[in-house]
C-alpha atoms as a PDB file:
ATOM      1  CA  MET A   1     -93.744  18.849  16.449  1.00  0.00           C
ATOM      2  CA  ALA A   2     -93.988  17.367  13.087  1.00  0.00           C
ATOM      3  CA  PRO A   3     -91.699  14.860  11.382  1.00  0.00           C
ATOM      4  CA  ALA A   4     -88.846  16.269   9.394  1.00  0.00           C
ATOM      5  CA  ARG A   5     -90.068  13.502   6.758  1.00  0.00           C
ATOM      6  CA  SER A   6     -93.374  12.150   6.472  1.00  0.00           C
ATOM      7  CA  ASP A   7     -94.406   9.207   4.221  1.00  0.00           C
ATOM      8  CA  SER A   8     -95.700  11.640   1.561  1.00  0.00           C
ATOM      9  CA  ARG A   9     -93.780  14.528  -0.071  1.00  0.00           C
ATOM     10  CA  LEU A  10     -96.963  16.059  -1.159  1.00  0.00           C
ATOM     11  CA  VAL A  11     -98.244  16.263   2.518  1.00  0.00           C
ATOM     12  CA  ASP A  12     -94.561  17.551   3.867  1.00  0.00           C
ATOM     13  CA  LEU A  13     -94.919  20.417   1.240  1.00  0.00           C
ATOM     14  CA  ALA A  14     -98.550  21.202   2.245  1.00  0.00           C
ATOM     15  CA  ALA A  15     -97.656  21.137   5.659  1.00  0.00           C
ATOM     16  CA  ARG A  16     -94.776  23.422   5.237  1.00  0.00           C
ATOM     17  CA  SER A  17     -96.629  25.974   3.538  1.00  0.00           C
ATOM     18  CA  TYR A  18     -98.257  26.826   6.741  1.00  0.00           C
ATOM     19  CA  PHE A  19     -95.321  27.095   8.918  1.00  0.00           C
ATOM     20  CA  PRO A  20     -94.453  31.063   8.092  1.00  0.00           C
ATOM     21  CA  ASP A  21     -98.235  31.771   9.092  1.00  0.00           C
ATOM     22  CA  MET A  22     -97.868  29.813  12.468  1.00  0.00           C
ATOM     23  CA  LEU A  23     -94.507  31.191  13.351  1.00  0.00           C
ATOM     24  CA  ALA A  24     -95.634  34.802  12.583  1.00  0.00           C
ATOM     25  CA  ALA A  25     -98.517  34.066  14.971  1.00  0.00           C
ATOM     26  CA  GLY A  26     -96.468  33.018  17.761  1.00  0.00           C
ATOM     27  CA  ALA A  27     -96.479  29.056  17.285  1.00  0.00           C
ATOM     28  CA  ARG A  28     -93.273  27.154  18.057  1.00  0.00           C
ATOM     29  CA  ILE A  29     -92.601  24.047  15.385  1.00  0.00           C
ATOM     30  CA  TYR A  30     -90.369  21.204  16.031  1.00  0.00           C
ATOM     31  CA  GLU A  31     -89.063  18.953  13.322  1.00  0.00           C
ATOM     32  CA  TYR A  32     -88.711  15.150  14.793  1.00  0.00           C
ATOM     33  CA  GLN A  33     -85.386  13.752  13.098  1.00  0.00           C
ATOM     34  CA  PRO A  34     -84.958  10.390  13.784  1.00  0.00           C
ATOM     35  CA  ARG A  35     -88.219   8.769  12.154  1.00  0.00           C
ATOM     36  CA  PHE A  36     -91.499   9.448  10.958  1.00  0.00           C
ATOM     37  CA  VAL A  37     -93.978   9.897  13.825  1.00  0.00           C
ATOM     38  CA  HIS A  38     -97.504   9.846  13.175  1.00  0.00           C
ATOM     39  CA  ALA A  39     -99.106  10.150  16.849  1.00  0.00           C
ATOM     40  CA  LYS A  40    -101.545  12.731  17.589  1.00  0.00           C
ATOM     41  CA  THR A  41    -101.240  13.588  21.237  1.00  0.00           C
ATOM     42  CA  PHE A  42    -102.861  16.866  22.857  1.00  0.00           C
ATOM     43  CA  VAL A  43    -102.057  17.641  26.606  1.00  0.00           C
ATOM     44  CA  ILE A  44    -104.311  20.472  27.771  1.00  0.00           C
ATOM     45  CA  ASP A  45    -103.500  22.044  30.920  1.00  0.00           C
ATOM     46  CA  ASP A  46    -102.034  19.103  32.998  1.00  0.00           C
ATOM     47  CA  ASP A  47    -105.908  17.863  33.221  1.00  0.00           C
ATOM     48  CA  ILE A  48    -107.118  16.758  29.548  1.00  0.00           C
ATOM     49  CA  ALA A  49    -105.304  14.588  26.907  1.00  0.00           C
ATOM     50  CA  ILE A  50    -106.308  13.318  23.585  1.00  0.00           C
ATOM     51  CA  ILE A  51    -104.637  10.561  21.754  1.00  0.00           C
ATOM     52  CA  GLY A  52    -105.678   9.023  18.526  1.00  0.00           C
ATOM     53  CA  THR A  53    -105.093   8.735  14.937  1.00  0.00           C
ATOM     54  CA  ALA A  54    -107.595  11.414  13.855  1.00  0.00           C
ATOM     55  CA  ASN A  55    -106.129  14.564  11.996  1.00  0.00           C
ATOM     56  CA  LEU A  56    -108.034  17.818  12.734  1.00  0.00           C
ATOM     57  CA  ASP A  57    -109.443  18.269   9.476  1.00  0.00           C
ATOM     58  CA  ASN A  58    -112.832  17.276   7.818  1.00  0.00           C
ATOM     59  CA  ARG A  59    -111.547  14.159   5.978  1.00  0.00           C
ATOM     60  CA  SER A  60    -110.565  12.665   9.084  1.00  0.00           C
ATOM     61  CA  PHE A  61    -113.922  13.614  10.898  1.00  0.00           C
ATOM     62  CA  ARG A  62    -116.359  12.650   8.012  1.00  0.00           C
ATOM     63  CA  LEU A  63    -114.538  10.188   5.705  1.00  0.00           C
ATOM     64  CA  ASP A  64    -111.962   8.242   7.661  1.00  0.00           C
ATOM     65  CA  PHE A  65    -112.378   5.552  10.162  1.00  0.00           C
ATOM     66  CA  GLU A  66    -110.330   7.415  12.749  1.00  0.00           C
ATOM     67  CA  VAL A  67    -110.292   7.180  16.684  1.00  0.00           C
ATOM     68  CA  ALA A  68    -109.419   9.489  19.366  1.00  0.00           C
ATOM     69  CA  ALA A  69    -109.352   8.795  23.215  1.00  0.00           C
ATOM     70  CA  VAL A  70    -109.963  11.640  25.680  1.00  0.00           C
ATOM     71  CA  ILE A  71    -108.116  10.911  29.034  1.00  0.00           C
ATOM     72  CA  TYR A  72    -108.944  13.047  32.013  1.00  0.00           C
ATOM     73  CA  GLY A  73    -106.455  12.946  34.991  1.00  0.00           C
ATOM     74  CA  THR A  74    -102.879  14.302  35.933  1.00  0.00           C
ATOM     75  CA  THR A  75    -101.150  10.904  36.133  1.00  0.00           C
ATOM     76  CA  MET A  76    -101.383  10.022  32.440  1.00  0.00           C
ATOM     77  CA  ASN A  77    -101.071  13.373  31.428  1.00  0.00           C
ATOM     78  CA  ALA A  78     -97.806  13.909  33.456  1.00  0.00           C
ATOM     79  CA  ARG A  79     -96.368  10.626  31.582  1.00  0.00           C
ATOM     80  CA  LEU A  80     -97.524  12.018  27.936  1.00  0.00           C
ATOM     81  CA  ASP A  81     -96.144  15.283  28.965  1.00  0.00           C
ATOM     82  CA  ALA A  82     -92.589  13.607  29.884  1.00  0.00           C
ATOM     83  CA  VAL A  83     -92.562  11.552  26.571  1.00  0.00           C
ATOM     84  CA  PHE A  84     -93.139  14.738  24.609  1.00  0.00           C
ATOM     85  CA  GLN A  85     -89.912  16.501  26.524  1.00  0.00           C
ATOM     86  CA  ALA A  86     -88.152  13.677  25.763  1.00  0.00           C
ATOM     87  CA  ASP A  87     -88.800  13.523  21.933  1.00  0.00           C
ATOM     88  CA  LEU A  88     -87.893  17.368  21.970  1.00  0.00           C
ATOM     89  CA  ALA A  89     -84.428  16.124  22.293  1.00  0.00           C
ATOM     90  CA  HIS A  90     -84.383  14.715  18.775  1.00  0.00           C
ATOM     91  CA  CYS A  91     -86.153  17.546  17.449  1.00  0.00           C
ATOM     92  CA  ARG A  92     -84.965  20.850  15.348  1.00  0.00           C
ATOM     93  CA  GLU A  93     -86.906  23.905  16.081  1.00  0.00           C
ATOM     94  CA  ILE A  94     -87.949  25.661  12.902  1.00  0.00           C
ATOM     95  CA  CYS A  95     -87.479  29.486  13.354  1.00  0.00           C
ATOM     96  CA  ARG A  96     -88.734  32.567  11.731  1.00  0.00           C
ATOM     97  CA  SER A  97     -86.520  33.675   8.918  1.00  0.00           C
ATOM     98  CA  THR A  98     -86.051  37.198   7.466  1.00  0.00           C
ATOM     99  CA  GLU A  99     -84.821  35.815   4.178  1.00  0.00           C
ATOM    100  CA  PRO A 100     -87.045  34.738   1.487  1.00  0.00           C
ATOM    101  CA  GLN A 101     -87.388  31.089   0.581  1.00  0.00           C
ATOM    102  CA  PRO A 102     -86.260  30.076  -2.804  1.00  0.00           C
ATOM    103  CA  PHE A 103     -88.598  30.152  -5.665  1.00  0.00           C
ATOM    104  CA  TRP A 104     -88.693  26.049  -6.034  1.00  0.00           C
ATOM    105  CA  PRO A 105     -89.649  25.357  -2.680  1.00  0.00           C
ATOM    106  CA  ARG A 106     -92.308  27.830  -2.307  1.00  0.00           C
ATOM    107  CA  LEU A 107     -93.880  27.007  -5.671  1.00  0.00           C
ATOM    108  CA  GLY A 108     -94.110  23.340  -4.385  1.00  0.00           C
ATOM    109  CA  GLN A 109     -95.658  24.203  -1.223  1.00  0.00           C
ATOM    110  CA  ALA A 110     -98.058  26.776  -2.823  1.00  0.00           C
ATOM    111  CA  GLY A 111     -99.137  24.008  -5.112  1.00  0.00           C
ATOM    112  CA  ALA A 112     -99.678  21.150  -2.526  1.00  0.00           C
ATOM    113  CA  ARG A 113    -101.309  23.700  -0.270  1.00  0.00           C
ATOM    114  CA  LEU A 114    -104.458  23.774  -3.034  1.00  0.00           C
ATOM    115  CA  PHE A 115    -104.650  19.826  -2.384  1.00  0.00           C
ATOM    116  CA  SER A 116    -104.300  20.265   1.513  1.00  0.00           C
ATOM    117  CA  PRO A 117    -108.207  19.876   2.141  1.00  0.00           C
ATOM    118  CA  LEU A 118    -107.925  16.481   0.313  1.00  0.00           C
ATOM    119  CA  LEU A 119    -104.774  15.356   2.202  1.00  0.00           C
END
């Protein structure tokens, strides 16, 4: 789940440049419509959850002062899963397209992708 619109157009373009590859690999991508969402929540097999501010990139791990909590147990993980499921009602699923994307969005995404390691 990603925000339909984040607080940075450059980040939006860079993120969307990865969508076709992710969809081709079988990932499902949802755009959260109502507002910007910055939460990072991972629920793994109902037993482990990770909640925090850190992105999964070198900048977050090496330069920024980001935090994450690891939670073991099914009670909290069930709650987090319920919140995620409720949020899906406010999302639009991104589907794999057989149509080529217009030139200008592709150009913007390709350019932003060059800066993605720094974003």
